[in-house]
């Protein structure tokens, strides 16, 4: 990637190109054209080469933007989880609260229209991963997934490294992701016209209910085994 001295104008141009890249790559993957990206960004097509080097480098820059965005929104939860799990006997109520906070944070992000292009980009990478996905995975997805797995394990008495525990964690995350990936189904089935704060709060209540079922069920299974 080119290293261009930062100016206010240059930073604005780069941000516009990344925003346009997220939209175009989310819709068309690497088949998106530099011409369409530049046009949506309101920039000259040569700006992509000037600021990023190539379309592929812009794609990686979009992935890095996503990693930074997700990392920034969940930094507080990650730091709290690290501190809590470092304790000899973490308080179970505090663990549940932290899991819920992370889930509610994810719900807020995934029901917001501004993150739709981010979701499309990541969904494409999940189905046909490139080096871009590895970057996002290594920097934010894997650490967050691991922390959530360890929290669930600590609450339920399970082994955090056990494959079943990892899969239980992923299944819980899948419930939340379903409200993004199945957005139109939810809107049509409920009669909602959009996701607003009230709808996000209602979804959070449902996820809280399901989370408690999962935590209680896994805890009982651990005690029985």
C-alpha atoms as a PDB file:
ATOM      1  CA  UNK A   1       0.000   0.000   0.000  1.00  0.00           C
ATOM      2  CA  UNK A   2       1.270   3.475  -0.843  1.00  0.00           C
ATOM      3  CA  UNK A   3       2.411   5.653   2.041  1.00  0.00           C
ATOM      4  CA  UNK A   4       1.117   9.152   1.279  1.00  0.00           C
ATOM      5  CA  UNK A   5       1.714  12.092   3.645  1.00  0.00           C
ATOM      6  CA  UNK A   6      -1.534  12.739   5.523  1.00  0.00           C
ATOM      7  CA  UNK A   7      -3.438  15.949   4.872  1.00  0.00           C
ATOM      8  CA  UNK A   8      -6.998  16.882   5.783  1.00  0.00           C
ATOM      9  CA  UNK A   9      -7.973  16.712   2.104  1.00  0.00           C
ATOM     10  CA  UNK A  10      -6.097  13.457   1.616  1.00  0.00           C
ATOM     11  CA  UNK A  11      -7.641  11.853   4.696  1.00  0.00           C
ATOM     12  CA  UNK A  12     -11.095  12.885   3.485  1.00  0.00           C
ATOM     13  CA  UNK A  13     -10.437  11.403   0.039  1.00  0.00           C
ATOM     14  CA  UNK A  14      -9.197   8.127   1.536  1.00  0.00           C
ATOM     15  CA  UNK A  15     -12.220   7.904   3.823  1.00  0.00           C
ATOM     16  CA  UNK A  16     -14.554   8.541   0.892  1.00  0.00           C
ATOM     17  CA  UNK A  17     -12.859   5.833  -1.145  1.00  0.00           C
ATOM     18  CA  UNK A  18     -13.029   3.325   1.710  1.00  0.00           C
ATOM     19  CA  UNK A  19     -16.728   4.085   2.254  1.00  0.00           C
ATOM     20  CA  UNK A  20     -17.394   3.643  -1.459  1.00  0.00           C
ATOM     21  CA  UNK A  21     -15.206   0.533  -1.504  1.00  0.00           C
ATOM     22  CA  UNK A  22     -17.200  -1.032   1.326  1.00  0.00           C
ATOM     23  CA  UNK A  23     -20.416  -0.418  -0.596  1.00  0.00           C
ATOM     24  CA  UNK A  24     -19.145  -1.650  -3.962  1.00  0.00           C
ATOM     25  CA  UNK A  25     -17.112  -4.580  -2.631  1.00  0.00           C
ATOM     26  CA  UNK A  26     -19.992  -5.572  -0.368  1.00  0.00           C
ATOM     27  CA  UNK A  27     -22.249  -5.719  -3.398  1.00  0.00           C
ATOM     28  CA  UNK A  28     -19.909  -7.122  -6.051  1.00  0.00           C
ATOM     29  CA  UNK A  29     -16.785  -8.386  -4.276  1.00  0.00           C
ATOM     30  CA  UNK A  30     -13.540  -7.902  -6.153  1.00  0.00           C
ATOM     31  CA  UNK A  31     -15.585  -7.718  -9.371  1.00  0.00           C
ATOM     32  CA  UNK A  32     -16.436  -4.140  -8.377  1.00  0.00           C
ATOM     33  CA  UNK A  33     -14.801  -1.673 -10.765  1.00  0.00           C
ATOM     34  CA  UNK A  34     -12.453   1.119  -9.812  1.00  0.00           C
ATOM     35  CA  UNK A  35     -14.520   3.410 -12.008  1.00  0.00           C
ATOM     36  CA  UNK A  36     -17.697   2.767  -9.965  1.00  0.00           C
ATOM     37  CA  UNK A  37     -15.835   3.048  -6.667  1.00  0.00           C
ATOM     38  CA  UNK A  38     -14.277   6.358  -7.646  1.00  0.00           C
ATOM     39  CA  UNK A  39     -17.586   7.693  -8.959  1.00  0.00           C
ATOM     40  CA  UNK A  40     -19.430   6.809  -5.743  1.00  0.00           C
ATOM     41  CA  UNK A  41     -16.623   8.396  -3.704  1.00  0.00           C
ATOM     42  CA  UNK A  42     -16.704  11.554  -5.810  1.00  0.00           C
ATOM     43  CA  UNK A  43     -13.007  11.100  -6.580  1.00  0.00           C
ATOM     44  CA  UNK A  44     -10.883  10.796  -9.685  1.00  0.00           C
ATOM     45  CA  UNK A  45     -10.190   7.173 -10.597  1.00  0.00           C
ATOM     46  CA  UNK A  46      -6.449   7.861 -10.258  1.00  0.00           C
ATOM     47  CA  UNK A  47      -7.004   8.595  -6.555  1.00  0.00           C
ATOM     48  CA  UNK A  48      -7.308   4.857  -5.863  1.00  0.00           C
ATOM     49  CA  UNK A  49      -3.815   4.245  -7.233  1.00  0.00           C
ATOM     50  CA  UNK A  50      -2.464   7.361  -5.548  1.00  0.00           C
ATOM     51  CA  UNK A  51      -3.760   6.597  -2.063  1.00  0.00           C
ATOM     52  CA  UNK A  52      -3.871   2.786  -2.032  1.00  0.00           C
ATOM     53  CA  UNK A  53      -1.797   1.429  -4.918  1.00  0.00           C
ATOM     54  CA  UNK A  54      -4.425  -0.843  -6.479  1.00  0.00           C
ATOM     55  CA  UNK A  55      -8.003  -2.046  -6.193  1.00  0.00           C
ATOM     56  CA  UNK A  56      -6.756  -5.070  -4.254  1.00  0.00           C
ATOM     57  CA  UNK A  57      -4.960  -2.805  -1.793  1.00  0.00           C
ATOM     58  CA  UNK A  58      -8.121  -0.753  -1.360  1.00  0.00           C
ATOM     59  CA  UNK A  59      -9.958  -4.006  -0.636  1.00  0.00           C
ATOM     60  CA  UNK A  60      -7.446  -4.783   2.127  1.00  0.00           C
ATOM     61  CA  UNK A  61      -7.795  -1.219   3.430  1.00  0.00           C
ATOM     62  CA  UNK A  62     -11.550  -1.775   3.682  1.00  0.00           C
ATOM     63  CA  UNK A  63     -10.908  -4.960   5.655  1.00  0.00           C
ATOM     64  CA  UNK A  64      -8.584  -3.055   7.976  1.00  0.00           C
ATOM     65  CA  UNK A  65     -11.215  -0.356   8.431  1.00  0.00           C
ATOM     66  CA  UNK A  66     -13.715  -3.048   9.441  1.00  0.00           C
ATOM     67  CA  UNK A  67     -11.218  -4.563  11.897  1.00  0.00           C
ATOM     68  CA  UNK A  68     -10.588  -1.134  13.455  1.00  0.00           C
ATOM     69  CA  UNK A  69     -14.314  -0.350  13.567  1.00  0.00           C
ATOM     70  CA  UNK A  70     -15.293  -3.617  15.255  1.00  0.00           C
ATOM     71  CA  UNK A  71     -12.305  -3.484  17.586  1.00  0.00           C
ATOM     72  CA  UNK A  72     -13.195   0.040  18.669  1.00  0.00           C
ATOM     73  CA  UNK A  73     -16.813  -0.840  19.408  1.00  0.00           C
ATOM     74  CA  UNK A  74     -15.943  -3.897  21.492  1.00  0.00           C
ATOM     75  CA  UNK A  75     -12.722  -2.739  23.150  1.00  0.00           C
ATOM     76  CA  UNK A  76     -14.452  -2.046  26.465  1.00  0.00           C
ATOM     77  CA  UNK A  77     -16.008  -5.522  26.595  1.00  0.00           C
ATOM     78  CA  UNK A  78     -12.718  -7.204  25.659  1.00  0.00           C
ATOM     79  CA  UNK A  79     -10.824  -5.303  28.343  1.00  0.00           C
ATOM     80  CA  UNK A  80     -13.492  -6.113  30.931  1.00  0.00           C
ATOM     81  CA  UNK A  81     -13.470  -9.793  29.955  1.00  0.00           C
ATOM     82  CA  UNK A  82      -9.688  -9.950  30.216  1.00  0.00           C
ATOM     83  CA  UNK A  83      -9.772  -8.448  33.708  1.00  0.00           C
ATOM     84  CA  UNK A  84     -12.676 -10.607  34.878  1.00  0.00           C
ATOM     85  CA  UNK A  85     -11.238 -13.872  33.575  1.00  0.00           C
ATOM     86  CA  UNK A  86      -7.909 -13.111  35.239  1.00  0.00           C
ATOM     87  CA  UNK A  87      -9.586 -13.398  38.632  1.00  0.00           C
ATOM     88  CA  UNK A  88      -9.199 -16.725  40.509  1.00  0.00           C
ATOM     89  CA  UNK A  89     -12.975 -17.149  40.834  1.00  0.00           C
ATOM     90  CA  UNK A  90     -14.858 -14.759  38.517  1.00  0.00           C
ATOM     91  CA  UNK A  91     -18.294 -13.733  39.759  1.00  0.00           C
ATOM     92  CA  UNK A  92     -20.954 -15.534  37.695  1.00  0.00           C
ATOM     93  CA  UNK A  93     -23.367 -12.602  37.782  1.00  0.00           C
ATOM     94  CA  UNK A  94     -20.625 -10.336  36.447  1.00  0.00           C
ATOM     95  CA  UNK A  95     -19.879 -12.880  33.711  1.00  0.00           C
ATOM     96  CA  UNK A  96     -23.530 -12.980  32.626  1.00  0.00           C
ATOM     97  CA  UNK A  97     -23.708  -9.176  32.615  1.00  0.00           C
ATOM     98  CA  UNK A  98     -20.617  -8.926  30.438  1.00  0.00           C
ATOM     99  CA  UNK A  99     -21.904 -11.544  27.970  1.00  0.00           C
ATOM    100  CA  UNK A 100     -25.179  -9.645  27.720  1.00  0.00           C
ATOM    101  CA  UNK A 101     -23.405  -6.331  27.194  1.00  0.00           C
ATOM    102  CA  UNK A 102     -21.415  -7.801  24.314  1.00  0.00           C
ATOM    103  CA  UNK A 103     -24.556  -9.324  22.773  1.00  0.00           C
ATOM    104  CA  UNK A 104     -26.556  -6.110  23.110  1.00  0.00           C
ATOM    105  CA  UNK A 105     -23.685  -4.135  21.589  1.00  0.00           C
ATOM    106  CA  UNK A 106     -23.667  -6.507  18.628  1.00  0.00           C
ATOM    107  CA  UNK A 107     -27.432  -6.208  18.232  1.00  0.00           C
ATOM    108  CA  UNK A 108     -27.208  -2.409  18.167  1.00  0.00           C
ATOM    109  CA  UNK A 109     -24.571  -2.556  15.448  1.00  0.00           C
ATOM    110  CA  UNK A 110     -26.317  -5.196  13.347  1.00  0.00           C
ATOM    111  CA  UNK A 111     -29.691  -3.474  13.361  1.00  0.00           C
ATOM    112  CA  UNK A 112     -28.210  -0.156  12.243  1.00  0.00           C
ATOM    113  CA  UNK A 113     -28.433   0.705   8.536  1.00  0.00           C
ATOM    114  CA  UNK A 114     -24.987   2.338   8.604  1.00  0.00           C
ATOM    115  CA  UNK A 115     -23.335  -1.067   9.108  1.00  0.00           C
ATOM    116  CA  UNK A 116     -25.125  -2.815   6.248  1.00  0.00           C
ATOM    117  CA  UNK A 117     -22.195  -2.535   3.818  1.00  0.00           C
ATOM    118  CA  UNK A 118     -19.846  -3.841   6.499  1.00  0.00           C
ATOM    119  CA  UNK A 119     -22.094  -6.875   6.945  1.00  0.00           C
ATOM    120  CA  UNK A 120     -22.220  -7.521   3.205  1.00  0.00           C
ATOM    121  CA  UNK A 121     -18.423  -7.328   2.979  1.00  0.00           C
ATOM    122  CA  UNK A 122     -17.902  -9.759   5.860  1.00  0.00           C
ATOM    123  CA  UNK A 123     -20.631 -12.115   4.608  1.00  0.00           C
ATOM    124  CA  UNK A 124     -18.886 -12.377   1.246  1.00  0.00           C
ATOM    125  CA  UNK A 125     -15.601 -13.075   2.979  1.00  0.00           C
ATOM    126  CA  UNK A 126     -17.175 -15.774   5.136  1.00  0.00           C
ATOM    127  CA  UNK A 127     -18.441 -17.596   2.039  1.00  0.00           C
ATOM    128  CA  UNK A 128     -15.371 -17.010  -0.149  1.00  0.00           C
ATOM    129  CA  UNK A 129     -12.514 -15.940   2.129  1.00  0.00           C
ATOM    130  CA  UNK A 130      -9.485 -14.028   0.897  1.00  0.00           C
ATOM    131  CA  UNK A 131      -6.469 -12.594   2.700  1.00  0.00           C
ATOM    132  CA  UNK A 132      -8.776  -9.762   3.747  1.00  0.00           C
ATOM    133  CA  UNK A 133     -10.828 -12.060   5.947  1.00  0.00           C
ATOM    134  CA  UNK A 134      -7.739 -13.437   7.654  1.00  0.00           C
ATOM    135  CA  UNK A 135      -6.812  -9.899   8.628  1.00  0.00           C
ATOM    136  CA  UNK A 136     -10.195  -9.203  10.230  1.00  0.00           C
ATOM    137  CA  UNK A 137     -10.303 -12.651  11.807  1.00  0.00           C
ATOM    138  CA  UNK A 138      -6.862 -12.424  13.384  1.00  0.00           C
ATOM    139  CA  UNK A 139      -7.289  -8.871  14.678  1.00  0.00           C
ATOM    140  CA  UNK A 140     -10.824  -8.890  16.065  1.00  0.00           C
ATOM    141  CA  UNK A 141     -13.064 -11.865  15.314  1.00  0.00           C
ATOM    142  CA  UNK A 142     -10.857 -14.582  16.794  1.00  0.00           C
ATOM    143  CA  UNK A 143     -10.012 -12.619  19.991  1.00  0.00           C
ATOM    144  CA  UNK A 144     -13.660 -11.662  20.563  1.00  0.00           C
ATOM    145  CA  UNK A 145     -14.902 -15.187  19.797  1.00  0.00           C
ATOM    146  CA  UNK A 146     -12.292 -16.603  22.192  1.00  0.00           C
ATOM    147  CA  UNK A 147     -13.195 -14.182  24.994  1.00  0.00           C
ATOM    148  CA  UNK A 148     -16.906 -14.948  24.649  1.00  0.00           C
ATOM    149  CA  UNK A 149     -16.183 -18.696  24.651  1.00  0.00           C
ATOM    150  CA  UNK A 150     -14.088 -18.333  27.802  1.00  0.00           C
ATOM    151  CA  UNK A 151     -16.839 -16.323  29.497  1.00  0.00           C
ATOM    152  CA  UNK A 152     -19.463 -18.941  28.668  1.00  0.00           C
ATOM    153  CA  UNK A 153     -17.103 -21.685  29.829  1.00  0.00           C
ATOM    154  CA  UNK A 154     -16.391 -19.875  33.094  1.00  0.00           C
ATOM    155  CA  UNK A 155     -20.094 -19.397  33.774  1.00  0.00           C
ATOM    156  CA  UNK A 156     -21.156 -22.950  32.931  1.00  0.00           C
ATOM    157  CA  UNK A 157     -18.158 -24.895  34.204  1.00  0.00           C
ATOM    158  CA  UNK A 158     -17.225 -26.156  30.751  1.00  0.00           C
ATOM    159  CA  UNK A 159     -13.824 -26.401  29.083  1.00  0.00           C
ATOM    160  CA  UNK A 160     -13.207 -23.285  26.967  1.00  0.00           C
ATOM    161  CA  UNK A 161     -11.039 -25.283  24.540  1.00  0.00           C
ATOM    162  CA  UNK A 162     -13.634 -28.005  23.998  1.00  0.00           C
ATOM    163  CA  UNK A 163     -15.048 -27.962  20.484  1.00  0.00           C
ATOM    164  CA  UNK A 164     -18.624 -28.241  21.759  1.00  0.00           C
ATOM    165  CA  UNK A 165     -18.152 -25.097  23.868  1.00  0.00           C
ATOM    166  CA  UNK A 166     -16.809 -23.233  20.841  1.00  0.00           C
ATOM    167  CA  UNK A 167     -19.799 -24.416  18.796  1.00  0.00           C
ATOM    168  CA  UNK A 168     -22.269 -23.408  21.527  1.00  0.00           C
ATOM    169  CA  UNK A 169     -20.693 -19.942  21.513  1.00  0.00           C
ATOM    170  CA  UNK A 170     -20.921 -19.723  17.744  1.00  0.00           C
ATOM    171  CA  UNK A 171     -24.550 -20.850  17.798  1.00  0.00           C
ATOM    172  CA  UNK A 172     -25.359 -18.047  20.227  1.00  0.00           C
ATOM    173  CA  UNK A 173     -23.659 -15.521  17.968  1.00  0.00           C
ATOM    174  CA  UNK A 174     -25.584 -16.996  15.046  1.00  0.00           C
ATOM    175  CA  UNK A 175     -28.862 -16.089  16.730  1.00  0.00           C
ATOM    176  CA  UNK A 176     -27.794 -12.458  16.754  1.00  0.00           C
ATOM    177  CA  UNK A 177     -26.416 -12.525  13.209  1.00  0.00           C
ATOM    178  CA  UNK A 178     -29.750 -13.939  12.000  1.00  0.00           C
ATOM    179  CA  UNK A 179     -31.336 -10.550  12.633  1.00  0.00           C
ATOM    180  CA  UNK A 180     -28.971  -9.056  10.060  1.00  0.00           C
ATOM    181  CA  UNK A 181     -28.838 -11.892   7.541  1.00  0.00           C
ATOM    182  CA  UNK A 182     -32.577 -12.515   7.854  1.00  0.00           C
ATOM    183  CA  UNK A 183     -33.467  -8.829   8.037  1.00  0.00           C
ATOM    184  CA  UNK A 184     -36.180  -8.855   5.372  1.00  0.00           C
ATOM    185  CA  UNK A 185     -37.834 -11.951   6.832  1.00  0.00           C
ATOM    186  CA  UNK A 186     -38.078 -10.300  10.244  1.00  0.00           C
ATOM    187  CA  UNK A 187     -39.443  -7.051   8.811  1.00  0.00           C
ATOM    188  CA  UNK A 188     -42.094  -8.881   6.764  1.00  0.00           C
ATOM    189  CA  UNK A 189     -43.091 -11.305   9.532  1.00  0.00           C
ATOM    190  CA  UNK A 190     -43.389  -8.610  12.211  1.00  0.00           C
ATOM    191  CA  UNK A 191     -44.808  -5.837  10.052  1.00  0.00           C
ATOM    192  CA  UNK A 192     -41.959  -3.566  11.068  1.00  0.00           C
ATOM    193  CA  UNK A 193     -40.794  -1.029   8.503  1.00  0.00           C
ATOM    194  CA  UNK A 194     -37.259  -0.706   9.896  1.00  0.00           C
ATOM    195  CA  UNK A 195     -35.101  -1.470  12.891  1.00  0.00           C
ATOM    196  CA  UNK A 196     -35.106   1.426  15.349  1.00  0.00           C
ATOM    197  CA  UNK A 197     -34.022   1.694  18.992  1.00  0.00           C
ATOM    198  CA  UNK A 198     -37.280   0.197  20.264  1.00  0.00           C
ATOM    199  CA  UNK A 199     -37.001  -2.773  17.894  1.00  0.00           C
ATOM    200  CA  UNK A 200     -33.363  -3.321  18.845  1.00  0.00           C
ATOM    201  CA  UNK A 201     -34.377  -3.284  22.519  1.00  0.00           C
ATOM    202  CA  UNK A 202     -37.089  -5.876  21.855  1.00  0.00           C
ATOM    203  CA  UNK A 203     -34.583  -8.094  20.041  1.00  0.00           C
ATOM    204  CA  UNK A 204     -32.195  -7.687  22.975  1.00  0.00           C
ATOM    205  CA  UNK A 205     -34.888  -8.937  25.366  1.00  0.00           C
ATOM    206  CA  UNK A 206     -35.395 -12.039  23.225  1.00  0.00           C
ATOM    207  CA  UNK A 207     -31.660 -12.717  23.034  1.00  0.00           C
ATOM    208  CA  UNK A 208     -31.388 -12.271  26.814  1.00  0.00           C
ATOM    209  CA  UNK A 209     -34.090 -14.899  27.269  1.00  0.00           C
ATOM    210  CA  UNK A 210     -32.344 -17.330  24.905  1.00  0.00           C
ATOM    211  CA  UNK A 211     -28.965 -16.651  26.472  1.00  0.00           C
ATOM    212  CA  UNK A 212     -30.279 -17.543  29.915  1.00  0.00           C
ATOM    213  CA  UNK A 213     -31.730 -20.786  28.551  1.00  0.00           C
ATOM    214  CA  UNK A 214     -28.352 -21.659  27.051  1.00  0.00           C
ATOM    215  CA  UNK A 215     -26.341 -20.737  30.148  1.00  0.00           C
ATOM    216  CA  UNK A 216     -28.682 -22.590  32.489  1.00  0.00           C
ATOM    217  CA  UNK A 217     -28.853 -25.649  30.258  1.00  0.00           C
ATOM    218  CA  UNK A 218     -25.092 -25.890  29.807  1.00  0.00           C
ATOM    219  CA  UNK A 219     -24.539 -25.381  33.529  1.00  0.00           C
ATOM    220  CA  UNK A 220     -26.903 -28.251  34.363  1.00  0.00           C
ATOM    221  CA  UNK A 221     -25.179 -30.521  31.853  1.00  0.00           C
ATOM    222  CA  UNK A 222     -21.806 -29.680  33.386  1.00  0.00           C
ATOM    223  CA  UNK A 223     -23.095 -30.527  36.879  1.00  0.00           C
ATOM    224  CA  UNK A 224     -24.556 -33.831  35.651  1.00  0.00           C
ATOM    225  CA  UNK A 225     -21.399 -34.974  33.877  1.00  0.00           C
END
